Amino acid sequence: MESINKNHAFNDGNKRSSIALGAYFLELNGFDCFVRHFVLEMENIAVWVADNVIDKDLLPNLIYSILYVDDYSESLKLELFRAIQGLQEGFD
């Protein structure tokens, strides 16, 4: 997902394509029941990946939380908060 999103495989629609391909990957691997939740959660995350708020080290942790945990862990919430806060400071 990160590769399609960041490396601009297409002229337009890279974020949407990365979400769709991520969902397709889940279906291929028997995670059909998670696809709807994955797509809804990844809408904002895909934008943050494109904006360099979420890096390729944090992304797998977020996806794991989407698939296996009801809510993000406190440490993951803190890491995500710091990433978003860093983005906001860049706009000040």
C-alpha atoms as a PDB file:
ATOM      1  CA  MET A   1       0.000   0.000   0.000  1.00  0.00           C
ATOM      2  CA  GLU A   2       2.767   2.436   0.891  1.00  0.00           C
ATOM      3  CA  SER A   3       4.583   1.820  -2.380  1.00  0.00           C
ATOM      4  CA  ILE A   4       1.578   2.552  -4.603  1.00  0.00           C
ATOM      5  CA  ASN A   5       0.710   5.594  -2.504  1.00  0.00           C
ATOM      6  CA  LYS A   6       4.180   7.154  -2.423  1.00  0.00           C
ATOM      7  CA  ASN A   7       5.796   6.127  -5.711  1.00  0.00           C
ATOM      8  CA  HIS A   8       3.068   7.539  -7.956  1.00  0.00           C
ATOM      9  CA  ALA A   9       2.443   4.439 -10.021  1.00  0.00           C
ATOM     10  CA  PHE A  10      -0.396   6.294 -11.753  1.00  0.00           C
ATOM     11  CA  ASN A  11      -0.900   9.840 -12.964  1.00  0.00           C
ATOM     12  CA  ASP A  12      -3.872  10.290 -10.634  1.00  0.00           C
ATOM     13  CA  GLY A  13      -5.636   8.243  -7.973  1.00  0.00           C
ATOM     14  CA  ASN A  14      -2.633   6.774  -6.183  1.00  0.00           C
ATOM     15  CA  LYS A  15      -4.195   7.032  -2.731  1.00  0.00           C
ATOM     16  CA  ARG A  16      -7.461   5.438  -3.902  1.00  0.00           C
ATOM     17  CA  SER A  17      -5.546   2.753  -5.781  1.00  0.00           C
ATOM     18  CA  SER A  18      -3.416   1.944  -2.741  1.00  0.00           C
ATOM     19  CA  ILE A  19      -6.547   1.472  -0.603  1.00  0.00           C
ATOM     20  CA  ALA A  20      -8.251  -0.659  -3.272  1.00  0.00           C
ATOM     21  CA  LEU A  21      -5.175  -2.845  -3.744  1.00  0.00           C
ATOM     22  CA  GLY A  22      -4.772  -3.191   0.022  1.00  0.00           C
ATOM     23  CA  ALA A  23      -8.405  -4.314   0.274  1.00  0.00           C
ATOM     24  CA  TYR A  24      -7.907  -6.736  -2.614  1.00  0.00           C
ATOM     25  CA  PHE A  25      -4.820  -8.158  -0.899  1.00  0.00           C
ATOM     26  CA  LEU A  26      -6.915  -8.753   2.226  1.00  0.00           C
ATOM     27  CA  GLU A  27      -9.568 -10.552   0.170  1.00  0.00           C
ATOM     28  CA  LEU A  28      -6.989 -12.743  -1.541  1.00  0.00           C
ATOM     29  CA  ASN A  29      -5.620 -13.771   1.841  1.00  0.00           C
ATOM     30  CA  GLY A  30      -8.951 -14.629   3.467  1.00  0.00           C
ATOM     31  CA  PHE A  31      -9.519 -11.410   5.411  1.00  0.00           C
ATOM     32  CA  ASP A  32     -12.800 -10.575   3.630  1.00  0.00           C
ATOM     33  CA  CYS A  33     -14.552  -9.688   6.870  1.00  0.00           C
ATOM     34  CA  PHE A  34     -12.119  -6.799   7.478  1.00  0.00           C
ATOM     35  CA  VAL A  35     -12.284  -5.131   4.064  1.00  0.00           C
ATOM     36  CA  ARG A  36     -15.083  -2.643   4.800  1.00  0.00           C
ATOM     37  CA  HIS A  37     -13.501  -1.514   8.077  1.00  0.00           C
ATOM     38  CA  PHE A  38     -10.055  -1.375   6.410  1.00  0.00           C
ATOM     39  CA  VAL A  39     -11.297   0.877   3.596  1.00  0.00           C
ATOM     40  CA  LEU A  40     -13.056   3.254   5.997  1.00  0.00           C
ATOM     41  CA  GLU A  41     -10.041   3.543   8.297  1.00  0.00           C
ATOM     42  CA  MET A  42      -7.511   3.865   5.482  1.00  0.00           C
ATOM     43  CA  GLU A  43      -9.176   6.898   3.859  1.00  0.00           C
ATOM     44  CA  ASN A  44      -7.485   9.339   6.253  1.00  0.00           C
ATOM     45  CA  ILE A  45      -4.394   7.224   6.730  1.00  0.00           C
ATOM     46  CA  ALA A  46      -3.706   7.168   2.970  1.00  0.00           C
ATOM     47  CA  VAL A  47      -3.723  10.970   2.919  1.00  0.00           C
ATOM     48  CA  TRP A  48      -1.320  11.075   5.874  1.00  0.00           C
ATOM     49  CA  VAL A  49       0.983   8.579   4.145  1.00  0.00           C
ATOM     50  CA  ALA A  50       1.031  10.765   1.031  1.00  0.00           C
ATOM     51  CA  ASP A  51       1.776  13.841   3.170  1.00  0.00           C
ATOM     52  CA  ASN A  52       4.684  12.065   4.943  1.00  0.00           C
ATOM     53  CA  VAL A  53       2.919  12.204   8.312  1.00  0.00           C
ATOM     54  CA  ILE A  54       2.861   8.406   8.520  1.00  0.00           C
ATOM     55  CA  ASP A  55       6.021   6.627   7.433  1.00  0.00           C
ATOM     56  CA  LYS A  56       6.531   3.037   6.336  1.00  0.00           C
ATOM     57  CA  ASP A  57       7.518   2.045   9.875  1.00  0.00           C
ATOM     58  CA  LEU A  58       4.274   3.289  11.449  1.00  0.00           C
ATOM     59  CA  LEU A  59       1.938   2.129   8.667  1.00  0.00           C
ATOM     60  CA  PRO A  60       2.158  -1.629   9.375  1.00  0.00           C
ATOM     61  CA  ASN A  61       1.356  -0.981  13.037  1.00  0.00           C
ATOM     62  CA  LEU A  62      -1.746   0.984  12.053  1.00  0.00           C
ATOM     63  CA  ILE A  63      -2.874  -1.722   9.629  1.00  0.00           C
ATOM     64  CA  TYR A  64      -2.313  -4.384  12.296  1.00  0.00           C
ATOM     65  CA  SER A  65      -4.471  -2.369  14.693  1.00  0.00           C
ATOM     66  CA  ILE A  66      -7.205  -2.046  12.086  1.00  0.00           C
ATOM     67  CA  LEU A  67      -7.242  -5.803  11.510  1.00  0.00           C
ATOM     68  CA  TYR A  68      -6.657  -7.234  14.967  1.00  0.00           C
ATOM     69  CA  VAL A  69      -7.457  -4.647  17.631  1.00  0.00           C
ATOM     70  CA  ASP A  70     -10.733  -2.876  18.388  1.00  0.00           C
ATOM     71  CA  ASP A  71      -8.937   0.370  19.134  1.00  0.00           C
ATOM     72  CA  TYR A  72      -5.420   1.707  18.700  1.00  0.00           C
ATOM     73  CA  SER A  73      -3.067   1.044  21.606  1.00  0.00           C
ATOM     74  CA  GLU A  74      -2.053   3.998  23.740  1.00  0.00           C
ATOM     75  CA  SER A  75       1.513   3.949  22.385  1.00  0.00           C
ATOM     76  CA  LEU A  76       0.249   3.882  18.796  1.00  0.00           C
ATOM     77  CA  LYS A  77      -2.155   6.752  19.534  1.00  0.00           C
ATOM     78  CA  LEU A  78       0.737   8.754  20.980  1.00  0.00           C
ATOM     79  CA  GLU A  79       2.938   8.051  17.950  1.00  0.00           C
ATOM     80  CA  LEU A  80       0.137   9.036  15.564  1.00  0.00           C
ATOM     81  CA  PHE A  81      -0.591  12.177  17.613  1.00  0.00           C
ATOM     82  CA  ARG A  82       3.089  13.196  17.443  1.00  0.00           C
ATOM     83  CA  ALA A  83       3.169  12.647  13.687  1.00  0.00           C
ATOM     84  CA  ILE A  84       0.060  14.788  13.173  1.00  0.00           C
ATOM     85  CA  GLN A  85       1.348  17.440  15.583  1.00  0.00           C
ATOM     86  CA  GLY A  86       4.585  17.636  13.566  1.00  0.00           C
ATOM     87  CA  LEU A  87       2.535  18.205  10.428  1.00  0.00           C
ATOM     88  CA  GLN A  88       0.541  20.998  12.071  1.00  0.00           C
ATOM     89  CA  GLU A  89       3.723  22.733  13.272  1.00  0.00           C
ATOM     90  CA  GLY A  90       4.893  22.811   9.656  1.00  0.00           C
ATOM     91  CA  PHE A  91       1.849  24.920   8.774  1.00  0.00           C
ATOM     92  CA  ASP A  92       2.446  27.493  11.532  1.00  0.00           C
END
